[in-house]
Amino acid sequence: MDAPAPERIESKNPLPLTLGVPSFSTGNDLEGIGGWLILVAIGLAIAPFMLMKGIYIDLHVFYGGQFQVGLALKPGLAALILFEAVSNSVFLLGLIALNVLFYRKQRTFPACMITYLAFNCAVILFDHVGALHYSPHTSATAALRSVIGTLVWIPYYLRSERVKVTFKN
């Protein structure tokens, strides 16, 4: 005995919908901030505040009276801390621009985000190598997190259909 044929529903869509049969994405439902882009939205919203905290800490160490003796004992450490503060300030401006591009769904967002991720990873690795000179036991957690994040997110921006459909303005 044959199974009953699925019931057909007429719609404005040229392809008829069928109850009980799974429909596959045509790309139209991928437009907008959803899926993994929600994580990007959360990260872009939080990251500027984390960078501001880092800038504050760097400048506090750089200008704070209690750290001046330590900075004097380790020549070059002040330059490394200043490098961190300046690079974090540049990345803060970049994050503000990325937030604008993201929420306006600009076509340039994916390329700008890939550039940001690559440069951020390079600066973090450079900073980590510099920190190892002053403290050989410096944790590699931030550098490893940056490398892994870069290796995950750059391919996502390059291959994701949602990214291609969402950022087309």
N, C-alpha and C. Protein backbone atom coordinates (compact mmCIF):
# COMPACT_ATOMS: atom_id res chain seq x y z
N MET A 1 0.85 -1.17 0.00
CA MET A 1 0.00 0.00 0.00
C MET A 1 0.89 1.23 0.00
N ASP A 2 0.61 2.17 -0.87
CA ASP A 2 1.41 3.39 -1.00
C ASP A 2 1.04 4.38 0.09
N ALA A 3 2.05 5.16 0.50
CA ALA A 3 1.81 6.20 1.49
C ALA A 3 1.05 7.33 0.80
N PRO A 4 0.19 8.03 1.54
CA PRO A 4 -0.55 9.13 0.93
C PRO A 4 0.41 10.23 0.51
N ALA A 5 0.09 10.90 -0.57
CA ALA A 5 0.92 11.99 -1.08
C ALA A 5 0.85 13.17 -0.13
N PRO A 6 1.98 13.86 0.06
CA PRO A 6 1.97 15.03 0.95
C PRO A 6 1.02 16.09 0.42
N GLU A 7 0.43 16.80 1.34
CA GLU A 7 -0.54 17.85 1.01
C GLU A 7 0.20 19.07 0.45
N ARG A 8 -0.29 19.67 -0.61
CA ARG A 8 0.35 20.83 -1.24
C ARG A 8 -0.30 22.12 -0.73
N ILE A 9 0.57 23.12 -0.54
CA ILE A 9 0.11 24.44 -0.11
C ILE A 9 0.50 25.42 -1.20
N GLU A 10 -0.46 26.19 -1.65
CA GLU A 10 -0.18 27.19 -2.69
C GLU A 10 0.28 28.48 -2.02
N SER A 11 1.28 29.10 -2.60
CA SER A 11 1.78 30.37 -2.08
C SER A 11 2.25 31.23 -3.25
N LYS A 12 2.71 32.44 -2.93
CA LYS A 12 3.22 33.34 -3.95
C LYS A 12 4.58 32.86 -4.46
N ASN A 13 5.22 32.00 -3.70
CA ASN A 13 6.50 31.44 -4.08
C ASN A 13 6.29 30.53 -5.30
N PRO A 14 7.10 30.64 -6.35
CA PRO A 14 6.90 29.81 -7.53
C PRO A 14 7.08 28.32 -7.26
N LEU A 15 7.81 27.99 -6.21
CA LEU A 15 7.98 26.59 -5.86
C LEU A 15 6.92 26.21 -4.84
N PRO A 16 6.14 25.18 -5.08
CA PRO A 16 5.10 24.81 -4.11
C PRO A 16 5.73 24.25 -2.83
N LEU A 17 5.11 24.58 -1.71
CA LEU A 17 5.53 24.04 -0.43
C LEU A 17 4.78 22.75 -0.16
N THR A 18 5.44 21.82 0.46
CA THR A 18 4.82 20.54 0.75
C THR A 18 4.94 20.27 2.23
N LEU A 19 3.82 19.94 2.87
CA LEU A 19 3.85 19.58 4.28
C LEU A 19 4.50 18.23 4.46
N GLY A 20 5.30 18.10 5.49
CA GLY A 20 5.92 16.83 5.80
C GLY A 20 7.21 16.59 5.03
N VAL A 21 7.57 17.46 4.12
CA VAL A 21 8.81 17.30 3.36
C VAL A 21 9.73 18.44 3.78
N PRO A 22 10.98 18.11 4.21
CA PRO A 22 11.88 19.18 4.65
C PRO A 22 12.24 20.10 3.50
N SER A 23 12.24 21.38 3.79
CA SER A 23 12.65 22.35 2.77
C SER A 23 14.09 22.76 3.07
N PHE A 24 14.85 23.04 2.04
CA PHE A 24 16.23 23.42 2.20
C PHE A 24 16.38 24.90 1.91
N SER A 25 17.41 25.49 2.49
CA SER A 25 17.62 26.92 2.36
C SER A 25 17.94 27.30 0.92
N THR A 26 17.32 28.37 0.49
CA THR A 26 17.61 28.91 -0.84
C THR A 26 18.51 30.12 -0.73
N GLY A 27 18.91 30.50 0.47
CA GLY A 27 19.76 31.66 0.67
C GLY A 27 18.97 32.88 1.10
N ASN A 28 17.66 32.93 0.82
CA ASN A 28 16.86 34.09 1.19
C ASN A 28 16.73 34.23 2.70
N ASP A 29 16.65 33.10 3.40
CA ASP A 29 16.49 33.16 4.84
C ASP A 29 17.82 33.39 5.56
N LEU A 30 18.91 33.46 4.83
CA LEU A 30 20.22 33.69 5.44
C LEU A 30 20.53 35.17 5.60
N GLU A 31 19.71 36.03 4.99
CA GLU A 31 19.97 37.45 5.06
C GLU A 31 19.69 37.95 6.47
N GLY A 32 20.56 38.79 6.95
CA GLY A 32 20.37 39.38 8.27
C GLY A 32 21.33 38.80 9.28
N ILE A 33 21.30 39.40 10.44
CA ILE A 33 22.21 39.00 11.49
C ILE A 33 21.58 37.85 12.26
N GLY A 34 22.07 36.69 11.99
CA GLY A 34 21.58 35.47 12.61
C GLY A 34 22.69 34.44 12.55
N GLY A 35 22.42 33.25 13.00
CA GLY A 35 23.43 32.20 12.97
C GLY A 35 24.68 32.62 13.73
N TRP A 36 25.84 32.33 13.13
CA TRP A 36 27.11 32.66 13.77
C TRP A 36 27.37 34.16 13.82
N LEU A 37 26.66 34.94 13.01
CA LEU A 37 26.85 36.39 13.06
C LEU A 37 26.36 36.99 14.38
N ILE A 38 25.54 36.25 15.10
CA ILE A 38 25.13 36.72 16.43
C ILE A 38 26.35 36.78 17.34
N LEU A 39 27.23 35.77 17.24
CA LEU A 39 28.47 35.79 18.04
C LEU A 39 29.35 36.97 17.63
N VAL A 40 29.39 37.27 16.35
CA VAL A 40 30.16 38.42 15.87
C VAL A 40 29.58 39.71 16.46
N ALA A 41 28.25 39.84 16.45
CA ALA A 41 27.60 41.03 17.00
C ALA A 41 27.93 41.19 18.49
N ILE A 42 27.87 40.11 19.23
CA ILE A 42 28.20 40.17 20.67
C ILE A 42 29.66 40.56 20.86
N GLY A 43 30.55 39.93 20.09
CA GLY A 43 31.97 40.24 20.19
C GLY A 43 32.28 41.68 19.84
N LEU A 44 31.65 42.18 18.78
CA LEU A 44 31.88 43.57 18.38
C LEU A 44 31.32 44.55 19.42
N ALA A 45 30.28 44.16 20.12
CA ALA A 45 29.70 45.04 21.14
C ALA A 45 30.57 45.08 22.40
N ILE A 46 31.18 43.96 22.75
CA ILE A 46 31.97 43.86 23.98
C ILE A 46 33.41 44.31 23.80
N ALA A 47 34.00 44.01 22.65
CA ALA A 47 35.43 44.23 22.43
C ALA A 47 35.90 45.67 22.68
N PRO A 48 35.16 46.71 22.27
CA PRO A 48 35.66 48.06 22.55
C PRO A 48 35.84 48.33 24.05
N PHE A 49 34.95 47.81 24.86
CA PHE A 49 35.05 48.03 26.30
C PHE A 49 36.25 47.28 26.89
N MET A 50 36.51 46.09 26.37
CA MET A 50 37.68 45.34 26.83
C MET A 50 38.97 46.05 26.42
N LEU A 51 38.99 46.61 25.22
CA LEU A 51 40.17 47.36 24.79
C LEU A 51 40.36 48.62 25.61
N MET A 52 39.27 49.31 25.93
CA MET A 52 39.38 50.52 26.77
C MET A 52 39.96 50.16 28.14
N LYS A 53 39.55 49.03 28.68
CA LYS A 53 40.11 48.57 29.96
C LYS A 53 41.61 48.31 29.81
N GLY A 54 42.01 47.66 28.70
CA GLY A 54 43.42 47.39 28.46
C GLY A 54 44.23 48.67 28.31
N ILE A 55 43.68 49.64 27.61
CA ILE A 55 44.36 50.93 27.45
C ILE A 55 44.53 51.61 28.79
N TYR A 56 43.47 51.57 29.60
CA TYR A 56 43.54 52.18 30.94
C TYR A 56 44.63 51.52 31.78
N ILE A 57 44.69 50.20 31.75
CA ILE A 57 45.70 49.48 32.54
C ILE A 57 47.11 49.83 32.04
N ASP A 58 47.29 49.83 30.70
CA ASP A 58 48.60 50.17 30.15
C ASP A 58 49.03 51.56 30.57
N LEU A 59 48.13 52.52 30.45
CA LEU A 59 48.48 53.90 30.80
C LEU A 59 48.68 54.06 32.31
N HIS A 60 47.93 53.30 33.09
CA HIS A 60 48.10 53.34 34.55
C HIS A 60 49.49 52.82 34.92
N VAL A 61 49.93 51.75 34.28
CA VAL A 61 51.27 51.21 34.54
C VAL A 61 52.32 52.19 34.04
N PHE A 62 52.07 52.76 32.88
CA PHE A 62 53.04 53.67 32.27
C PHE A 62 53.24 54.94 33.07
N TYR A 63 52.13 55.50 33.59
CA TYR A 63 52.20 56.77 34.30
C TYR A 63 52.06 56.64 35.82
N GLY A 64 51.68 55.47 36.31
CA GLY A 64 51.49 55.30 37.74
C GLY A 64 52.80 55.36 38.51
N GLY A 65 52.80 56.06 39.62
CA GLY A 65 54.01 56.25 40.41
C GLY A 65 54.59 54.95 40.95
N GLN A 66 53.75 54.01 41.33
CA GLN A 66 54.25 52.78 41.95
C GLN A 66 54.98 51.88 40.95
N PHE A 67 54.82 52.13 39.65
CA PHE A 67 55.45 51.27 38.63
C PHE A 67 56.73 51.88 38.06
N GLN A 68 57.05 53.11 38.41
CA GLN A 68 58.19 53.80 37.81
C GLN A 68 59.52 53.13 38.13
N VAL A 69 59.68 52.59 39.33
CA VAL A 69 60.92 51.91 39.69
C VAL A 69 61.09 50.66 38.84
N GLY A 70 60.02 49.89 38.68
CA GLY A 70 60.09 48.68 37.86
C GLY A 70 60.38 48.99 36.41
N LEU A 71 59.79 50.06 35.89
CA LEU A 71 60.05 50.45 34.51
C LEU A 71 61.50 50.91 34.33
N ALA A 72 62.04 51.57 35.35
CA ALA A 72 63.43 52.04 35.29
C ALA A 72 64.41 50.87 35.33
N LEU A 73 64.05 49.81 36.03
CA LEU A 73 64.94 48.65 36.15
C LEU A 73 64.96 47.80 34.89
N LYS A 74 63.95 47.90 34.07
CA LYS A 74 63.87 47.08 32.85
C LYS A 74 63.77 48.01 31.64
N PRO A 75 64.92 48.42 31.11
CA PRO A 75 64.89 49.32 29.96
C PRO A 75 64.16 48.66 28.77
N GLY A 76 63.35 49.43 28.12
CA GLY A 76 62.60 48.93 26.97
C GLY A 76 61.19 48.48 27.33
N LEU A 77 60.95 48.19 28.61
CA LEU A 77 59.62 47.76 29.02
C LEU A 77 58.61 48.89 28.85
N ALA A 78 59.04 50.12 29.13
CA ALA A 78 58.14 51.27 28.94
C ALA A 78 57.74 51.40 27.47
N ALA A 79 58.68 51.15 26.56
CA ALA A 79 58.37 51.22 25.13
C ALA A 79 57.38 50.13 24.74
N LEU A 80 57.51 48.94 25.32
CA LEU A 80 56.58 47.85 25.04
C LEU A 80 55.17 48.20 25.54
N ILE A 81 55.09 48.77 26.73
CA ILE A 81 53.79 49.16 27.28
C ILE A 81 53.18 50.29 26.45
N LEU A 82 54.00 51.23 26.02
CA LEU A 82 53.50 52.31 25.17
C LEU A 82 53.02 51.74 23.82
N PHE A 83 53.75 50.77 23.28
CA PHE A 83 53.33 50.11 22.05
C PHE A 83 51.97 49.46 22.23
N GLU A 84 51.77 48.79 23.36
CA GLU A 84 50.47 48.16 23.65
C GLU A 84 49.36 49.20 23.70
N ALA A 85 49.60 50.29 24.41
CA ALA A 85 48.58 51.34 24.56
C ALA A 85 48.23 51.96 23.20
N VAL A 86 49.24 52.25 22.40
CA VAL A 86 49.00 52.87 21.09
C VAL A 86 48.29 51.88 20.16
N SER A 87 48.77 50.65 20.10
CA SER A 87 48.14 49.67 19.21
C SER A 87 46.71 49.38 19.66
N ASN A 88 46.47 49.30 20.96
CA ASN A 88 45.11 49.09 21.45
C ASN A 88 44.21 50.28 21.09
N SER A 89 44.76 51.48 21.11
CA SER A 89 43.97 52.66 20.73
C SER A 89 43.61 52.62 19.25
N VAL A 90 44.56 52.21 18.42
CA VAL A 90 44.29 52.08 16.98
C VAL A 90 43.23 51.00 16.76
N PHE A 91 43.37 49.87 17.45
CA PHE A 91 42.39 48.79 17.30
C PHE A 91 41.02 49.20 17.84
N LEU A 92 40.98 50.06 18.85
CA LEU A 92 39.71 50.58 19.35
C LEU A 92 39.00 51.39 18.26
N LEU A 93 39.74 52.24 17.58
CA LEU A 93 39.15 53.00 16.47
C LEU A 93 38.67 52.04 15.37
N GLY A 94 39.47 51.01 15.10
CA GLY A 94 39.07 50.01 14.12
C GLY A 94 37.79 49.30 14.51
N LEU A 95 37.65 48.96 15.78
CA LEU A 95 36.43 48.29 16.25
C LEU A 95 35.21 49.18 16.14
N ILE A 96 35.39 50.46 16.40
CA ILE A 96 34.26 51.39 16.24
C ILE A 96 33.82 51.42 14.78
N ALA A 97 34.79 51.50 13.87
CA ALA A 97 34.47 51.48 12.44
C ALA A 97 33.83 50.16 12.04
N LEU A 98 34.34 49.04 12.56
CA LEU A 98 33.76 47.73 12.24
C LEU A 98 32.32 47.63 12.74
N ASN A 99 32.04 48.18 13.90
CA ASN A 99 30.66 48.18 14.41
C ASN A 99 29.73 48.93 13.47
N VAL A 100 30.19 50.07 12.99
CA VAL A 100 29.37 50.86 12.05
C VAL A 100 29.14 50.06 10.77
N LEU A 101 30.20 49.49 10.20
CA LEU A 101 30.06 48.71 8.97
C LEU A 101 29.16 47.49 9.18
N PHE A 102 29.29 46.85 10.34
CA PHE A 102 28.51 45.64 10.63
C PHE A 102 27.02 45.94 10.70
N TYR A 103 26.65 46.95 11.47
CA TYR A 103 25.22 47.22 11.65
C TYR A 103 24.59 47.92 10.46
N ARG A 104 25.41 48.51 9.59
CA ARG A 104 24.88 49.06 8.34
C ARG A 104 24.91 48.00 7.23
N LYS A 105 25.44 46.84 7.57
CA LYS A 105 25.53 45.70 6.64
C LYS A 105 26.26 46.08 5.36
N GLN A 106 27.36 46.77 5.52
CA GLN A 106 28.14 47.24 4.38
C GLN A 106 28.93 46.10 3.74
N ARG A 107 29.04 46.15 2.44
CA ARG A 107 29.76 45.14 1.67
C ARG A 107 31.21 45.02 2.11
N THR A 108 31.80 46.11 2.58
CA THR A 108 33.22 46.11 2.94
C THR A 108 33.49 45.48 4.30
N PHE A 109 32.43 45.19 5.07
CA PHE A 109 32.65 44.66 6.42
C PHE A 109 33.49 43.39 6.44
N PRO A 110 33.17 42.35 5.67
CA PRO A 110 33.97 41.12 5.77
C PRO A 110 35.46 41.35 5.49
N ALA A 111 35.79 42.11 4.46
CA ALA A 111 37.19 42.36 4.14
C ALA A 111 37.87 43.16 5.25
N CYS A 112 37.17 44.14 5.79
CA CYS A 112 37.74 44.94 6.89
C CYS A 112 37.93 44.09 8.14
N MET A 113 36.98 43.20 8.41
CA MET A 113 37.09 42.34 9.58
C MET A 113 38.24 41.35 9.43
N ILE A 114 38.42 40.81 8.23
CA ILE A 114 39.55 39.90 7.98
C ILE A 114 40.87 40.64 8.19
N THR A 115 40.96 41.86 7.68
CA THR A 115 42.16 42.67 7.86
C THR A 115 42.40 42.95 9.34
N TYR A 116 41.34 43.33 10.04
CA TYR A 116 41.45 43.59 11.48
C TYR A 116 41.97 42.35 12.22
N LEU A 117 41.36 41.20 11.95
CA LEU A 117 41.76 39.96 12.63
C LEU A 117 43.23 39.62 12.36
N ALA A 118 43.65 39.75 11.11
CA ALA A 118 45.04 39.42 10.76
C ALA A 118 46.03 40.36 11.45
N PHE A 119 45.76 41.67 11.39
CA PHE A 119 46.66 42.62 12.04
C PHE A 119 46.64 42.47 13.56
N ASN A 120 45.47 42.25 14.12
CA ASN A 120 45.37 42.07 15.57
C ASN A 120 46.18 40.86 16.01
N CYS A 121 46.06 39.78 15.28
CA CYS A 121 46.81 38.56 15.61
C CYS A 121 48.32 38.83 15.52
N ALA A 122 48.76 39.51 14.47
CA ALA A 122 50.18 39.81 14.31
C ALA A 122 50.70 40.68 15.44
N VAL A 123 49.93 41.69 15.82
CA VAL A 123 50.35 42.58 16.90
C VAL A 123 50.40 41.83 18.24
N ILE A 124 49.42 41.00 18.49
CA ILE A 124 49.42 40.23 19.74
C ILE A 124 50.62 39.28 19.79
N LEU A 125 50.94 38.64 18.68
CA LEU A 125 52.12 37.76 18.65
C LEU A 125 53.40 38.56 18.85
N PHE A 126 53.51 39.71 18.20
CA PHE A 126 54.68 40.57 18.36
C PHE A 126 54.81 41.02 19.82
N ASP A 127 53.71 41.42 20.41
CA ASP A 127 53.70 41.87 21.80
C ASP A 127 54.09 40.72 22.74
N HIS A 128 53.60 39.53 22.44
CA HIS A 128 53.92 38.37 23.28
C HIS A 128 55.42 38.07 23.23
N VAL A 129 56.00 38.12 22.04
CA VAL A 129 57.44 37.89 21.91
C VAL A 129 58.21 38.96 22.69
N GLY A 130 57.75 40.21 22.61
CA GLY A 130 58.39 41.28 23.37
C GLY A 130 58.27 41.07 24.87
N ALA A 131 57.11 40.60 25.32
CA ALA A 131 56.90 40.36 26.75
C ALA A 131 57.77 39.20 27.24
N LEU A 132 58.01 38.22 26.39
CA LEU A 132 58.87 37.09 26.79
C LEU A 132 60.28 37.55 27.11
N HIS A 133 60.72 38.62 26.48
CA HIS A 133 62.05 39.16 26.75
C HIS A 133 62.17 39.64 28.20
N TYR A 134 61.08 40.17 28.74
CA TYR A 134 61.11 40.71 30.10
C TYR A 134 60.64 39.70 31.14
N SER A 135 59.83 38.76 30.73
CA SER A 135 59.33 37.75 31.64
C SER A 135 59.16 36.43 30.88
N PRO A 136 60.16 35.54 30.99
CA PRO A 136 60.11 34.30 30.22
C PRO A 136 58.91 33.41 30.53
N HIS A 137 58.25 33.65 31.62
CA HIS A 137 57.11 32.82 32.02
C HIS A 137 55.77 33.46 31.65
N THR A 138 55.80 34.42 30.74
CA THR A 138 54.58 35.07 30.28
C THR A 138 53.65 34.06 29.64
N SER A 139 52.39 34.11 30.03
CA SER A 139 51.40 33.17 29.51
C SER A 139 51.14 33.42 28.03
N ALA A 140 51.01 32.34 27.29
CA ALA A 140 50.75 32.43 25.85
C ALA A 140 49.26 32.35 25.55
N THR A 141 48.41 32.45 26.57
CA THR A 141 46.97 32.30 26.39
C THR A 141 46.40 33.30 25.40
N ALA A 142 46.73 34.57 25.56
CA ALA A 142 46.17 35.60 24.66
C ALA A 142 46.65 35.37 23.23
N ALA A 143 47.92 35.03 23.06
CA ALA A 143 48.45 34.80 21.72
C ALA A 143 47.79 33.57 21.08
N LEU A 144 47.65 32.51 21.85
CA LEU A 144 47.02 31.29 21.33
C LEU A 144 45.55 31.53 21.00
N ARG A 145 44.85 32.26 21.85
CA ARG A 145 43.44 32.60 21.60
C ARG A 145 43.30 33.42 20.32
N SER A 146 44.22 34.35 20.12
CA SER A 146 44.18 35.18 18.92
C SER A 146 44.44 34.36 17.65
N VAL A 147 45.41 33.47 17.70
CA VAL A 147 45.72 32.64 16.54
C VAL A 147 44.55 31.72 16.21
N ILE A 148 43.98 31.07 17.22
CA ILE A 148 42.85 30.17 16.98
C ILE A 148 41.65 30.94 16.45
N GLY A 149 41.36 32.08 17.06
CA GLY A 149 40.24 32.90 16.59
C GLY A 149 40.43 33.35 15.16
N THR A 150 41.63 33.74 14.81
CA THR A 150 41.92 34.17 13.44
C THR A 150 41.75 33.00 12.47
N LEU A 151 42.25 31.82 12.87
CA LEU A 151 42.15 30.65 11.99
C LEU A 151 40.70 30.16 11.83
N VAL A 152 39.84 30.47 12.78
CA VAL A 152 38.44 30.07 12.68
C VAL A 152 37.62 31.11 11.91
N TRP A 153 37.79 32.39 12.27
CA TRP A 153 36.90 33.42 11.73
C TRP A 153 37.23 33.88 10.33
N ILE A 154 38.49 33.91 9.94
CA ILE A 154 38.80 34.34 8.57
C ILE A 154 38.17 33.40 7.55
N PRO A 155 38.31 32.08 7.67
CA PRO A 155 37.62 31.21 6.71
C PRO A 155 36.09 31.37 6.76
N TYR A 156 35.55 31.64 7.94
CA TYR A 156 34.11 31.87 8.04
C TYR A 156 33.70 33.06 7.17
N TYR A 157 34.41 34.18 7.29
CA TYR A 157 34.06 35.37 6.51
C TYR A 157 34.26 35.14 5.01
N LEU A 158 35.20 34.29 4.66
CA LEU A 158 35.46 34.03 3.24
C LEU A 158 34.45 33.07 2.61
N ARG A 159 33.92 32.12 3.40
CA ARG A 159 33.09 31.05 2.83
C ARG A 159 31.61 31.09 3.19
N SER A 160 31.24 31.83 4.20
CA SER A 160 29.87 31.79 4.69
C SER A 160 28.88 32.40 3.71
N GLU A 161 27.84 31.65 3.42
CA GLU A 161 26.76 32.16 2.58
C GLU A 161 26.02 33.28 3.29
N ARG A 162 25.82 33.15 4.60
CA ARG A 162 25.13 34.19 5.35
C ARG A 162 25.89 35.51 5.25
N VAL A 163 27.21 35.46 5.35
CA VAL A 163 28.01 36.68 5.23
C VAL A 163 27.85 37.29 3.84
N LYS A 164 27.88 36.44 2.80
CA LYS A 164 27.75 36.94 1.43
C LYS A 164 26.38 37.58 1.19
N VAL A 165 25.34 37.00 1.77
CA VAL A 165 23.99 37.50 1.56
C VAL A 165 23.70 38.74 2.41
N THR A 166 24.25 38.76 3.62
CA THR A 166 23.95 39.84 4.56
C THR A 166 24.67 41.14 4.21
N PHE A 167 25.94 41.05 3.85
CA PHE A 167 26.74 42.26 3.63
C PHE A 167 26.84 42.52 2.14
N LYS A 168 25.81 43.16 1.60
CA LYS A 168 25.77 43.41 0.16
C LYS A 168 25.47 44.87 -0.17
N ASN A 169 25.31 45.74 0.82
CA ASN A 169 25.03 47.17 0.56
C ASN A 169 26.27 47.87 0.04
